Amino acid sequence: MIRATPHCRWPGVDAGLAFAVVCWPVADPLARYRAVRERANERLVDAHHQFWPSEDAMAEGNPQLILERGEPIERPPALIMQGTVDDNLTPDMAANFAAAYTRAGGSISFHRFEGHPMPSSRGIPQPRMRCARSA
């Protein structure tokens, strides 16, 4: 989700993105907040409180809701991915975002990693991913 803002020092510079890659994103912070609060995951509830001052702010800056509200944004081609056993996100968050992005006129490819959590550096095995290069 990009809102292009001209830079005062370089007015002719295009800061737009040619594409976006989003890995296990919190695409709907309000839904995630409610889910982790319901599961009593205090670590993630605290993380939300550190970043978001209120549920109203979560709704205002929410990428999913920005798309659903039809706000004017840039929509570069995108790749989104999520593991199916990622307990930091709701199971349908990435798929819901990809569907909303498409409805809003964006081009997005959604990849689900079956049986994998969110890759991290906390000792959780990371899925083996293959990248393809186009000529």
C-alpha atoms as a PDB file:
ATOM      1  CA  MET A   1       0.000   0.000   0.000  1.00  0.00           C
ATOM      2  CA  ILE A   2       1.715   3.123  -1.163  1.00  0.00           C
ATOM      3  CA  ARG A   3       0.710   6.725  -1.055  1.00  0.00           C
ATOM      4  CA  ALA A   4       3.036   8.694  -3.261  1.00  0.00           C
ATOM      5  CA  THR A   5       4.210  11.955  -1.713  1.00  0.00           C
ATOM      6  CA  PRO A   6       6.516  14.257  -3.681  1.00  0.00           C
ATOM      7  CA  HIS A   7       9.841  14.951  -1.992  1.00  0.00           C
ATOM      8  CA  CYS A   8      10.572  18.654  -1.507  1.00  0.00           C
ATOM      9  CA  ARG A   9      14.309  18.282  -2.265  1.00  0.00           C
ATOM     10  CA  TRP A  10      13.873  16.146  -5.387  1.00  0.00           C
ATOM     11  CA  PRO A  11      10.523  17.076  -6.941  1.00  0.00           C
ATOM     12  CA  GLY A  12      11.186  15.198 -10.202  1.00  0.00           C
ATOM     13  CA  VAL A  13      12.168  11.892  -8.546  1.00  0.00           C
ATOM     14  CA  ASP A  14       9.654   9.056  -8.799  1.00  0.00           C
ATOM     15  CA  ALA A  15       9.642   7.141  -5.504  1.00  0.00           C
ATOM     16  CA  GLY A  16       7.022   4.661  -6.690  1.00  0.00           C
ATOM     17  CA  LEU A  17       7.595   0.925  -6.556  1.00  0.00           C
ATOM     18  CA  ALA A  18       7.837  -1.316  -9.592  1.00  0.00           C
ATOM     19  CA  PHE A  19       6.614  -4.249  -7.447  1.00  0.00           C
ATOM     20  CA  ALA A  20       6.087  -5.215  -3.795  1.00  0.00           C
ATOM     21  CA  VAL A  21       6.886  -8.424  -1.925  1.00  0.00           C
ATOM     22  CA  VAL A  22       5.045  -8.847   1.369  1.00  0.00           C
ATOM     23  CA  CYS A  23       5.941 -11.786   3.576  1.00  0.00           C
ATOM     24  CA  TRP A  24       3.511 -12.842   6.317  1.00  0.00           C
ATOM     25  CA  PRO A  25       2.184  -9.265   6.696  1.00  0.00           C
ATOM     26  CA  VAL A  26      -0.169  -7.957   9.334  1.00  0.00           C
ATOM     27  CA  ALA A  27      -2.472  -6.784   6.546  1.00  0.00           C
ATOM     28  CA  ASP A  28      -5.403  -6.270   8.922  1.00  0.00           C
ATOM     29  CA  PRO A  29      -3.998  -5.013  12.235  1.00  0.00           C
ATOM     30  CA  LEU A  30      -7.423  -4.601  13.819  1.00  0.00           C
ATOM     31  CA  ALA A  31      -8.431  -8.221  13.097  1.00  0.00           C
ATOM     32  CA  ARG A  32      -5.061  -9.450  14.326  1.00  0.00           C
ATOM     33  CA  TYR A  33      -5.315  -7.376  17.512  1.00  0.00           C
ATOM     34  CA  ARG A  34      -8.740  -8.789  18.288  1.00  0.00           C
ATOM     35  CA  ALA A  35      -7.571 -12.349  17.542  1.00  0.00           C
ATOM     36  CA  VAL A  36      -4.454 -12.202  19.735  1.00  0.00           C
ATOM     37  CA  ARG A  37      -6.391 -10.477  22.513  1.00  0.00           C
ATOM     38  CA  GLU A  38      -8.989 -13.271  22.368  1.00  0.00           C
ATOM     39  CA  ARG A  39      -6.193 -15.884  22.570  1.00  0.00           C
ATOM     40  CA  ALA A  40      -4.604 -13.950  25.474  1.00  0.00           C
ATOM     41  CA  ASN A  41      -1.297 -13.630  23.598  1.00  0.00           C
ATOM     42  CA  GLU A  42       0.082 -10.828  25.775  1.00  0.00           C
ATOM     43  CA  ARG A  43       3.329 -10.521  23.790  1.00  0.00           C
ATOM     44  CA  LEU A  44       1.457  -9.583  20.621  1.00  0.00           C
ATOM     45  CA  VAL A  45      -1.153  -7.486  22.446  1.00  0.00           C
ATOM     46  CA  ASP A  46       1.713  -5.494  23.981  1.00  0.00           C
ATOM     47  CA  ALA A  47       3.345  -5.145  20.545  1.00  0.00           C
ATOM     48  CA  HIS A  48       0.117  -3.667  19.185  1.00  0.00           C
ATOM     49  CA  HIS A  49      -0.090  -1.203  22.065  1.00  0.00           C
ATOM     50  CA  GLN A  50       3.479  -0.095  21.364  1.00  0.00           C
ATOM     51  CA  PHE A  51       2.699   0.643  17.719  1.00  0.00           C
ATOM     52  CA  TRP A  52      -0.983   1.591  17.645  1.00  0.00           C
ATOM     53  CA  PRO A  53      -2.443   4.145  20.083  1.00  0.00           C
ATOM     54  CA  SER A  54      -6.021   2.846  19.706  1.00  0.00           C
ATOM     55  CA  GLU A  55      -8.370   0.575  17.774  1.00  0.00           C
ATOM     56  CA  ASP A  56      -9.476   3.651  15.812  1.00  0.00           C
ATOM     57  CA  ALA A  57      -5.872   4.141  14.672  1.00  0.00           C
ATOM     58  CA  MET A  58      -5.686   0.436  13.744  1.00  0.00           C
ATOM     59  CA  ALA A  59      -8.751   0.908  11.552  1.00  0.00           C
ATOM     60  CA  GLU A  60      -7.463   4.126   9.970  1.00  0.00           C
ATOM     61  CA  GLY A  61      -4.013   2.803   9.021  1.00  0.00           C
ATOM     62  CA  ASN A  62      -5.272  -0.684   8.188  1.00  0.00           C
ATOM     63  CA  PRO A  63      -4.158  -1.844   4.701  1.00  0.00           C
ATOM     64  CA  GLN A  64      -7.134  -4.212   4.363  1.00  0.00           C
ATOM     65  CA  LEU A  65      -9.635  -1.502   5.284  1.00  0.00           C
ATOM     66  CA  ILE A  66      -7.886   1.120   3.134  1.00  0.00           C
ATOM     67  CA  LEU A  67      -8.522  -1.152   0.151  1.00  0.00           C
ATOM     68  CA  GLU A  68     -12.104  -1.841   1.213  1.00  0.00           C
ATOM     69  CA  ARG A  69     -12.777   1.889   1.661  1.00  0.00           C
ATOM     70  CA  GLY A  70     -11.524   2.544  -1.864  1.00  0.00           C
ATOM     71  CA  GLU A  71      -8.937   5.113  -0.795  1.00  0.00           C
ATOM     72  CA  PRO A  72      -6.733   6.393  -3.636  1.00  0.00           C
ATOM     73  CA  ILE A  73      -3.453   4.463  -3.413  1.00  0.00           C
ATOM     74  CA  GLU A  74      -0.825   3.091  -5.752  1.00  0.00           C
ATOM     75  CA  ARG A  75      -1.156  -0.653  -6.340  1.00  0.00           C
ATOM     76  CA  PRO A  76       2.086  -2.032  -7.798  1.00  0.00           C
ATOM     77  CA  PRO A  77       2.189  -5.690  -8.850  1.00  0.00           C
ATOM     78  CA  ALA A  78       2.689  -7.689  -5.652  1.00  0.00           C
ATOM     79  CA  LEU A  79       3.587 -11.057  -4.184  1.00  0.00           C
ATOM     80  CA  ILE A  80       2.148 -11.999  -0.783  1.00  0.00           C
ATOM     81  CA  MET A  81       2.985 -15.126   1.205  1.00  0.00           C
ATOM     82  CA  GLN A  82       1.947 -16.713   4.479  1.00  0.00           C
ATOM     83  CA  GLY A  83       2.444 -20.027   6.271  1.00  0.00           C
ATOM     84  CA  THR A  84      -0.670 -22.023   7.131  1.00  0.00           C
ATOM     85  CA  VAL A  85       0.326 -22.554  10.782  1.00  0.00           C
ATOM     86  CA  ASP A  86       1.343 -18.962  11.521  1.00  0.00           C
ATOM     87  CA  ASP A  87      -0.277 -18.248  14.883  1.00  0.00           C
ATOM     88  CA  ASN A  88       0.683 -14.556  14.705  1.00  0.00           C
ATOM     89  CA  LEU A  89      -1.958 -13.943  12.029  1.00  0.00           C
ATOM     90  CA  THR A  90      -5.471 -15.095  11.342  1.00  0.00           C
ATOM     91  CA  PRO A  91      -5.433 -18.032   8.893  1.00  0.00           C
ATOM     92  CA  ASP A  92      -7.262 -16.076   6.194  1.00  0.00           C
ATOM     93  CA  MET A  93      -5.545 -12.683   6.529  1.00  0.00           C
ATOM     94  CA  ALA A  94      -3.212 -12.901   3.512  1.00  0.00           C
ATOM     95  CA  ALA A  95      -5.885 -14.469   1.293  1.00  0.00           C
ATOM     96  CA  ASN A  96      -8.394 -11.765   2.292  1.00  0.00           C
ATOM     97  CA  PHE A  97      -5.846  -9.067   1.516  1.00  0.00           C
ATOM     98  CA  ALA A  98      -4.998 -10.596  -1.858  1.00  0.00           C
ATOM     99  CA  ALA A  99      -8.702 -10.738  -2.760  1.00  0.00           C
ATOM    100  CA  ALA A 100      -9.255  -7.099  -1.707  1.00  0.00           C
ATOM    101  CA  TYR A 101      -6.128  -6.000  -3.625  1.00  0.00           C
ATOM    102  CA  THR A 102      -7.452  -7.698  -6.752  1.00  0.00           C
ATOM    103  CA  ARG A 103     -10.934  -6.170  -6.318  1.00  0.00           C
ATOM    104  CA  ALA A 104      -9.255  -2.761  -5.990  1.00  0.00           C
ATOM    105  CA  GLY A 105      -7.584  -3.246  -9.377  1.00  0.00           C
ATOM    106  CA  GLY A 106      -4.198  -4.505  -8.211  1.00  0.00           C
ATOM    107  CA  SER A 107      -2.297  -7.504  -9.525  1.00  0.00           C
ATOM    108  CA  ILE A 108      -1.169  -9.840  -6.748  1.00  0.00           C
ATOM    109  CA  SER A 109       0.100 -13.398  -6.484  1.00  0.00           C
ATOM    110  CA  PHE A 110      -0.678 -15.225  -3.225  1.00  0.00           C
ATOM    111  CA  HIS A 111       1.513 -18.110  -2.062  1.00  0.00           C
ATOM    112  CA  ARG A 112       0.575 -20.252   0.925  1.00  0.00           C
ATOM    113  CA  PHE A 113       3.218 -22.431   2.608  1.00  0.00           C
ATOM    114  CA  GLU A 114       1.364 -25.508   3.857  1.00  0.00           C
ATOM    115  CA  GLY A 115       2.380 -26.679   7.312  1.00  0.00           C
ATOM    116  CA  HIS A 116       4.787 -23.805   7.919  1.00  0.00           C
ATOM    117  CA  PRO A 117       4.673 -21.057  10.525  1.00  0.00           C
ATOM    118  CA  MET A 118       5.975 -17.571   9.978  1.00  0.00           C
ATOM    119  CA  PRO A 119       9.737 -17.953   9.380  1.00  0.00           C
ATOM    120  CA  SER A 120      11.715 -16.241  12.114  1.00  0.00           C
ATOM    121  CA  SER A 121      15.037 -16.217  13.835  1.00  0.00           C
ATOM    122  CA  ARG A 122      13.609 -17.767  17.033  1.00  0.00           C
ATOM    123  CA  GLY A 123      14.636 -21.306  16.136  1.00  0.00           C
ATOM    124  CA  ILE A 124      11.524 -22.125  14.100  1.00  0.00           C
ATOM    125  CA  PRO A 125      12.487 -24.039  10.961  1.00  0.00           C
ATOM    126  CA  GLN A 126      12.094 -21.907   7.871  1.00  0.00           C
ATOM    127  CA  PRO A 127      10.430 -23.262   4.733  1.00  0.00           C
ATOM    128  CA  ARG A 128      12.689 -23.934   1.794  1.00  0.00           C
ATOM    129  CA  MET A 129      11.703 -21.482  -0.887  1.00  0.00           C
ATOM    130  CA  ARG A 130      12.762 -21.512  -4.492  1.00  0.00           C
ATOM    131  CA  CYS A 131      12.995 -18.312  -6.432  1.00  0.00           C
ATOM    132  CA  ALA A 132      12.579 -18.297 -10.181  1.00  0.00           C
ATOM    133  CA  ARG A 133      14.316 -15.780 -12.358  1.00  0.00           C
ATOM    134  CA  SER A 134      12.767 -14.461 -15.476  1.00  0.00           C
ATOM    135  CA  ALA A 135      15.026 -13.605 -18.381  1.00  0.00           C
END
